[in-house]
C-alpha atoms as a PDB file:
ATOM      1  CA  MET A   1      -3.671   9.753   5.651  1.00  0.00           C
ATOM      2  CA  ASN A   2      -2.243  11.161   2.438  1.00  0.00           C
ATOM      3  CA  SER A   3      -2.056   8.480  -0.253  1.00  0.00           C
ATOM      4  CA  ALA A   4       1.451   9.632  -1.160  1.00  0.00           C
ATOM      5  CA  ARG A   5       2.639   8.461   2.266  1.00  0.00           C
ATOM      6  CA  TRP A   6       1.387   4.936   1.530  1.00  0.00           C
ATOM      7  CA  VAL A   7       3.710   4.317  -1.386  1.00  0.00           C
ATOM      8  CA  PRO A   8       7.141   5.864  -0.851  1.00  0.00           C
ATOM      9  CA  PHE A   9       8.880   2.965  -2.599  1.00  0.00           C
ATOM     10  CA  SER A  10       6.911   3.493  -5.781  1.00  0.00           C
ATOM     11  CA  LEU A  11       8.364   6.968  -5.977  1.00  0.00           C
ATOM     12  CA  LEU A  12      11.865   5.563  -5.605  1.00  0.00           C
ATOM     13  CA  LEU A  13      11.175   3.092  -8.385  1.00  0.00           C
ATOM     14  CA  ALA A  14      10.345   5.885 -10.814  1.00  0.00           C
ATOM     15  CA  GLY A  15      14.046   6.556 -11.356  1.00  0.00           C
ATOM     16  CA  SER A  16      15.042   2.906 -11.421  1.00  0.00           C
ATOM     17  CA  PRO A  17      16.675   1.664 -14.625  1.00  0.00           C
ATOM     18  CA  ILE A  18      14.394  -1.387 -14.500  1.00  0.00           C
ATOM     19  CA  VAL A  19      11.294   0.795 -14.499  1.00  0.00           C
ATOM     20  CA  SER A  20      12.697   3.285 -17.001  1.00  0.00           C
ATOM     21  CA  ALA A  21      13.295   0.461 -19.464  1.00  0.00           C
ATOM     22  CA  HIS A  22       9.538  -0.117 -19.578  1.00  0.00           C
ATOM     23  CA  ALA A  23       8.377   3.322 -20.666  1.00  0.00           C
ATOM     24  CA  ASN A  24       4.900   2.217 -21.790  1.00  0.00           C
ATOM     25  CA  PRO A  25       3.326   0.027 -19.111  1.00  0.00           C
ATOM     26  CA  ALA A  26      -0.067  -1.514 -19.767  1.00  0.00           C
ATOM     27  CA  PRO A  27      -2.945   0.506 -18.320  1.00  0.00           C
ATOM     28  CA  LEU A  28      -3.616  -0.340 -14.706  1.00  0.00           C
ATOM     29  CA  ASN A  29      -7.196  -0.922 -13.612  1.00  0.00           C
ATOM     30  CA  GLU A  30      -7.207   0.733 -10.172  1.00  0.00           C
ATOM     31  CA  ALA A  31     -10.519  -0.724  -8.981  1.00  0.00           C
ATOM     32  CA  ARG A  32      -9.529  -4.260  -9.968  1.00  0.00           C
ATOM     33  CA  LEU A  33      -6.143  -3.883  -8.275  1.00  0.00           C
ATOM     34  CA  VAL A  34      -7.697  -2.635  -5.026  1.00  0.00           C
ATOM     35  CA  GLU A  35     -10.168  -5.527  -5.076  1.00  0.00           C
ATOM     36  CA  CYS A  36      -7.390  -8.051  -5.706  1.00  0.00           C
ATOM     37  CA  MET A  37      -5.194  -6.644  -2.953  1.00  0.00           C
ATOM     38  CA  LEU A  38      -8.111  -6.693  -0.499  1.00  0.00           C
ATOM     39  CA  GLU A  39      -8.876 -10.309  -1.396  1.00  0.00           C
ATOM     40  CA  HIS A  40      -5.290 -11.314  -0.620  1.00  0.00           C
ATOM     41  CA  THR A  41      -4.886  -9.300   2.577  1.00  0.00           C
ATOM     42  CA  THR A  42      -4.209 -11.556   5.550  1.00  0.00           C
ATOM     43  CA  SER A  43      -3.793 -10.890   9.248  1.00  0.00           C
ATOM     44  CA  ASP A  44      -0.063 -10.442   8.574  1.00  0.00           C
ATOM     45  CA  GLU A  45      -0.715  -7.491   6.269  1.00  0.00           C
ATOM     46  CA  GLU A  46      -3.281  -6.099   8.695  1.00  0.00           C
ATOM     47  CA  SER A  47      -0.653  -6.249  11.434  1.00  0.00           C
ATOM     48  CA  VAL A  48       1.612  -3.964   9.396  1.00  0.00           C
ATOM     49  CA  PHE A  49      -1.280  -1.506   8.998  1.00  0.00           C
ATOM     50  CA  LYS A  50      -1.826  -1.584  12.753  1.00  0.00           C
ATOM     51  CA  ASP A  51       1.853  -0.759  13.316  1.00  0.00           C
ATOM     52  CA  VAL A  52       1.488   2.291  11.063  1.00  0.00           C
ATOM     53  CA  MET A  53      -1.637   3.431  12.891  1.00  0.00           C
ATOM     54  CA  VAL A  54      -0.122   2.977  16.349  1.00  0.00           C
ATOM     55  CA  ALA A  55       3.094   4.769  15.395  1.00  0.00           C
ATOM     56  CA  ALA A  56       1.086   7.650  13.932  1.00  0.00           C
ATOM     57  CA  LEU A  57      -1.131   7.893  17.016  1.00  0.00           C
ATOM     58  CA  ASN A  58       1.926   7.855  19.272  1.00  0.00           C
ATOM     59  CA  ASP A  59       3.666  10.552  17.205  1.00  0.00           C
ATOM     60  CA  ASP A  60       6.650   8.214  16.908  1.00  0.00           C
ATOM     61  CA  GLY A  61       8.381   9.450  13.768  1.00  0.00           C
ATOM     62  CA  GLY A  62      11.022   6.723  13.725  1.00  0.00           C
ATOM     63  CA  ALA A  63       8.549   3.874  14.128  1.00  0.00           C
ATOM     64  CA  LEU A  64       6.220   5.506  11.619  1.00  0.00           C
ATOM     65  CA  LYS A  65       8.965   5.676   9.001  1.00  0.00           C
ATOM     66  CA  VAL A  66       9.863   2.012   9.518  1.00  0.00           C
ATOM     67  CA  SER A  67       6.267   0.832   9.490  1.00  0.00           C
ATOM     68  CA  LEU A  68       5.451   2.882   6.367  1.00  0.00           C
ATOM     69  CA  GLU A  69       8.394   1.263   4.599  1.00  0.00           C
ATOM     70  CA  GLN A  70       7.072  -2.153   5.644  1.00  0.00           C
ATOM     71  CA  LEU A  71       3.596  -1.190   4.474  1.00  0.00           C
ATOM     72  CA  SER A  72       4.958  -0.091   1.108  1.00  0.00           C
ATOM     73  CA  ALA A  73       6.711  -3.437   0.772  1.00  0.00           C
ATOM     74  CA  VAL A  74       3.461  -5.240   1.645  1.00  0.00           C
ATOM     75  CA  MET A  75       1.508  -3.300  -0.963  1.00  0.00           C
ATOM     76  CA  MET A  76       4.114  -3.814  -3.639  1.00  0.00           C
ATOM     77  CA  GLY A  77       4.349  -7.509  -2.784  1.00  0.00           C
ATOM     78  CA  LEU A  78       0.602  -7.957  -3.043  1.00  0.00           C
ATOM     79  CA  ALA A  79       0.479  -6.083  -6.334  1.00  0.00           C
ATOM     80  CA  LEU A  80       3.420  -7.911  -7.902  1.00  0.00           C
ATOM     81  CA  GLU A  81       2.954 -11.422  -6.510  1.00  0.00           C
ATOM     82  CA  LYS A  82      -0.791 -11.815  -6.056  1.00  0.00           C
ATOM     83  CA  CYS A  83      -2.313  -9.337  -8.497  1.00  0.00           C
ATOM     84  CA  GLU A  84       0.124  -9.712 -11.396  1.00  0.00           C
ATOM     85  CA  VAL A  85       0.984  -6.025 -11.679  1.00  0.00           C
ATOM     86  CA  ALA A  86       4.078  -5.274 -13.746  1.00  0.00           C
ATOM     87  CA  LEU A  87       7.041  -3.802 -11.888  1.00  0.00           C
ATOM     88  CA  SER A  88       6.914  -0.755 -14.145  1.00  0.00           C
ATOM     89  CA  ALA A  89       3.333  -0.016 -13.032  1.00  0.00           C
ATOM     90  CA  LEU A  90       4.463   0.618  -9.445  1.00  0.00           C
ATOM     91  CA  ALA A  91       5.768   4.046 -10.425  1.00  0.00           C
ATOM     92  CA  THR A  92       2.508   5.188 -12.012  1.00  0.00           C
ATOM     93  CA  PRO A  93      -0.066   7.582 -10.577  1.00  0.00           C
ATOM     94  CA  GLN A  94      -2.655   4.824 -11.055  1.00  0.00           C
ATOM     95  CA  PHE A  95      -0.790   2.505  -8.689  1.00  0.00           C
ATOM     96  CA  GLN A  96      -0.363   5.294  -6.162  1.00  0.00           C
ATOM     97  CA  ALA A  97      -4.098   6.027  -6.311  1.00  0.00           C
ATOM     98  CA  ALA A  98      -4.949   2.337  -5.961  1.00  0.00           C
ATOM     99  CA  ALA A  99      -2.547   1.963  -3.038  1.00  0.00           C
ATOM    100  CA  GLY A 100      -4.098   4.975  -1.327  1.00  0.00           C
ATOM    101  CA  LEU A 101      -7.608   3.588  -1.758  1.00  0.00           C
ATOM    102  CA  TYR A 102      -6.472   0.154  -0.587  1.00  0.00           C
ATOM    103  CA  GLY A 103      -4.857   1.694   2.489  1.00  0.00           C
ATOM    104  CA  GLN A 104      -7.967   3.700   3.245  1.00  0.00           C
ATOM    105  CA  GLN A 105     -10.220   0.659   2.975  1.00  0.00           C
ATOM    106  CA  VAL A 106      -8.012  -1.551   5.144  1.00  0.00           C
ATOM    107  CA  GLY A 107      -7.664   1.257   7.689  1.00  0.00           C
ATOM    108  CA  GLU A 108     -11.438   1.682   7.851  1.00  0.00           C
ATOM    109  CA  LYS A 109     -11.872  -2.074   8.292  1.00  0.00           C
ATOM    110  CA  LEU A 110      -9.376  -2.117  11.158  1.00  0.00           C
ATOM    111  CA  MET A 111     -11.023   0.867  12.840  1.00  0.00           C
ATOM    112  CA  GLN A 112     -14.420  -0.823  12.546  1.00  0.00           C
ATOM    113  CA  LYS A 113     -13.006  -3.966  14.168  1.00  0.00           C
ATOM    114  CA  ALA A 114     -11.531  -1.851  16.967  1.00  0.00           C
ATOM    115  CA  PHE A 115     -14.834  -0.085  17.651  1.00  0.00           C
ATOM    116  CA  GLU A 116     -16.698  -3.403  17.644  1.00  0.00           C
ATOM    117  CA  LYS A 117     -14.434  -4.561  20.473  1.00  0.00           C
ATOM    118  CA  LEU A 118     -15.579  -1.610  22.567  1.00  0.00           C
ATOM    119  CA  ASN A 119     -19.180  -2.803  22.581  1.00  0.00           C
END
């Protein structure tokens, strides 16, 4: 899945006055952020990922839009609350790249779990 689809809210934040007021955010360490987000991912977050995957597989555009919005909120919540990322960093290409990698890794983990159930 395209990493840009994983973080639609970060794009909306780019024009936010709150984000614009912080023009020079501290550099974001993508690898550390992905690791932190993975460490704090619970079954609740995984459930949101599953909703995205099911909606995509079912070609359900409405459900996909809703679940992607929920997934964006999950990622932003993890970054802000658990990984101490500044609000202004959410609008950066580094956060978008980290969110894409995080989404890919969680998706692969969920697919592996699904295939293990088939055996």
